[in-house]
Amino acid sequence: MPLYEYACDTCDHLFEVRQRFSDEPVSTCPKCGAPVRRVLHAASVIFKGPGFYLTDNRKAKGLAGVSSESKSEEPPAKTDTSKTTSTTTADK
């Protein structure tokens, strides 16, 4: 059940009431009996999952404008050329 916040304009009393969606809104202040109004707050938004920010760990093909050099921090593999021998065969 949602929790609603109400405010009394007469005595500045703030209170919360847990109500069902089908319940009628509270109309009177429990402290002074004056009319009350429901206080509205901005809803919070939580983005979960991949793909919302450039810093997410996504596959490289999904990123536009990001170079592959910035993603790969490993040095290139070294090749040992001192032990390579080439043999040629001549036709007889």
Protein backbone atom coordinates (compact mmCIF):
# COMPACT_ATOMS: atom_id res chain seq x y z
CA MET A 1 0.00 0.00 0.00
CA PRO A 2 1.29 3.47 -0.84
CA LEU A 3 2.26 5.98 1.78
CA TYR A 4 0.81 9.45 1.20
CA GLU A 5 1.92 12.68 2.86
CA TYR A 6 -0.60 15.35 3.79
CA ALA A 7 -0.11 18.94 4.98
CA CYS A 8 -2.43 21.22 6.90
CA ASP A 9 -2.29 24.86 5.79
CA THR A 10 -3.80 26.09 9.05
CA CYS A 11 -1.49 24.52 11.68
CA ASP A 12 1.39 23.45 9.36
CA HIS A 13 1.06 19.84 10.57
CA LEU A 14 2.65 17.25 8.24
CA PHE A 15 1.52 13.63 8.52
CA GLU A 16 1.66 10.43 6.52
CA VAL A 17 -1.14 7.97 5.90
CA ARG A 18 -0.84 4.48 4.41
CA GLN A 19 -3.83 4.08 2.10
CA ARG A 20 -5.04 1.83 -0.66
CA PHE A 21 -5.56 3.23 -4.12
CA SER A 22 -9.31 2.74 -3.73
CA ASP A 23 -9.49 4.67 -0.40
CA GLU A 24 -10.78 8.22 -0.35
CA PRO A 25 -8.09 10.86 0.36
CA VAL A 26 -7.90 12.32 3.86
CA SER A 27 -9.81 15.60 4.02
CA THR A 28 -9.30 16.85 7.59
CA CYS A 29 -6.26 17.39 9.80
CA PRO A 30 -6.11 15.00 12.78
CA LYS A 31 -4.58 17.79 14.93
CA CYS A 32 -6.90 20.76 14.29
CA GLY A 33 -9.68 19.49 12.00
CA ALA A 34 -8.96 21.96 9.17
CA PRO A 35 -8.88 20.89 5.52
CA VAL A 36 -5.62 19.30 4.30
CA ARG A 37 -3.92 18.87 0.96
CA ARG A 38 -1.86 15.98 -0.38
CA VAL A 39 1.85 16.77 -0.78
CA LEU A 40 3.32 15.58 -4.07
CA HIS A 41 6.99 14.67 -4.45
CA ALA A 42 9.08 14.03 -7.53
CA ALA A 43 9.38 10.36 -8.34
CA SER A 44 12.85 8.87 -8.24
CA VAL A 45 14.11 7.10 -11.33
CA ILE A 46 16.67 4.30 -11.21
CA PHE A 47 18.26 3.17 -14.46
CA LYS A 48 19.36 -0.45 -14.20
CA GLY A 49 20.97 -2.61 -16.80
CA PRO A 50 23.50 -2.06 -19.55
CA GLY A 51 23.31 0.66 -22.14
CA PHE A 52 22.34 3.79 -20.26
CA TYR A 53 25.73 5.45 -19.92
CA LEU A 54 28.95 5.55 -21.97
CA THR A 55 30.83 4.18 -18.98
CA ASP A 56 28.83 0.95 -18.98
CA ASN A 57 30.61 -2.25 -19.87
CA ARG A 58 29.11 -2.90 -23.26
CA LYS A 59 30.40 -4.61 -26.35
CA ALA A 60 32.57 -2.46 -28.61
CA LYS A 61 30.19 -2.66 -31.58
CA GLY A 62 27.49 -0.85 -29.59
CA LEU A 63 29.66 2.16 -28.80
CA ALA A 64 29.76 4.96 -31.32
CA GLY A 65 32.65 7.40 -31.34
CA VAL A 66 34.83 5.52 -28.86
CA SER A 67 38.16 4.40 -30.30
CA SER A 68 39.38 0.86 -29.79
CA GLU A 69 42.71 2.20 -28.52
CA SER A 70 41.11 3.54 -25.36
CA LYS A 71 39.49 0.19 -24.64
CA SER A 72 42.64 -1.92 -25.09
CA GLU A 73 45.30 -1.10 -22.51
CA GLU A 74 47.39 -4.26 -23.11
CA PRO A 75 50.72 -3.91 -24.95
CA PRO A 76 51.02 -5.78 -28.26
CA ALA A 77 52.37 -9.32 -28.09
CA LYS A 78 56.11 -9.63 -28.62
CA THR A 79 57.36 -11.88 -31.38
CA ASP A 80 60.75 -13.57 -31.12
CA THR A 81 62.50 -13.11 -34.50
CA SER A 82 65.89 -14.43 -33.42
CA LYS A 83 64.94 -18.11 -33.74
CA THR A 84 63.02 -18.04 -36.97
CA THR A 85 64.61 -19.91 -39.82
CA SER A 86 63.38 -20.15 -43.31
CA THR A 87 64.03 -23.14 -45.47
CA THR A 88 63.63 -23.16 -49.16
CA THR A 89 63.32 -26.17 -51.35
CA ALA A 90 64.62 -26.07 -54.86
CA ASP A 91 62.95 -27.93 -57.68
CA LYS A 92 65.12 -30.77 -59.12
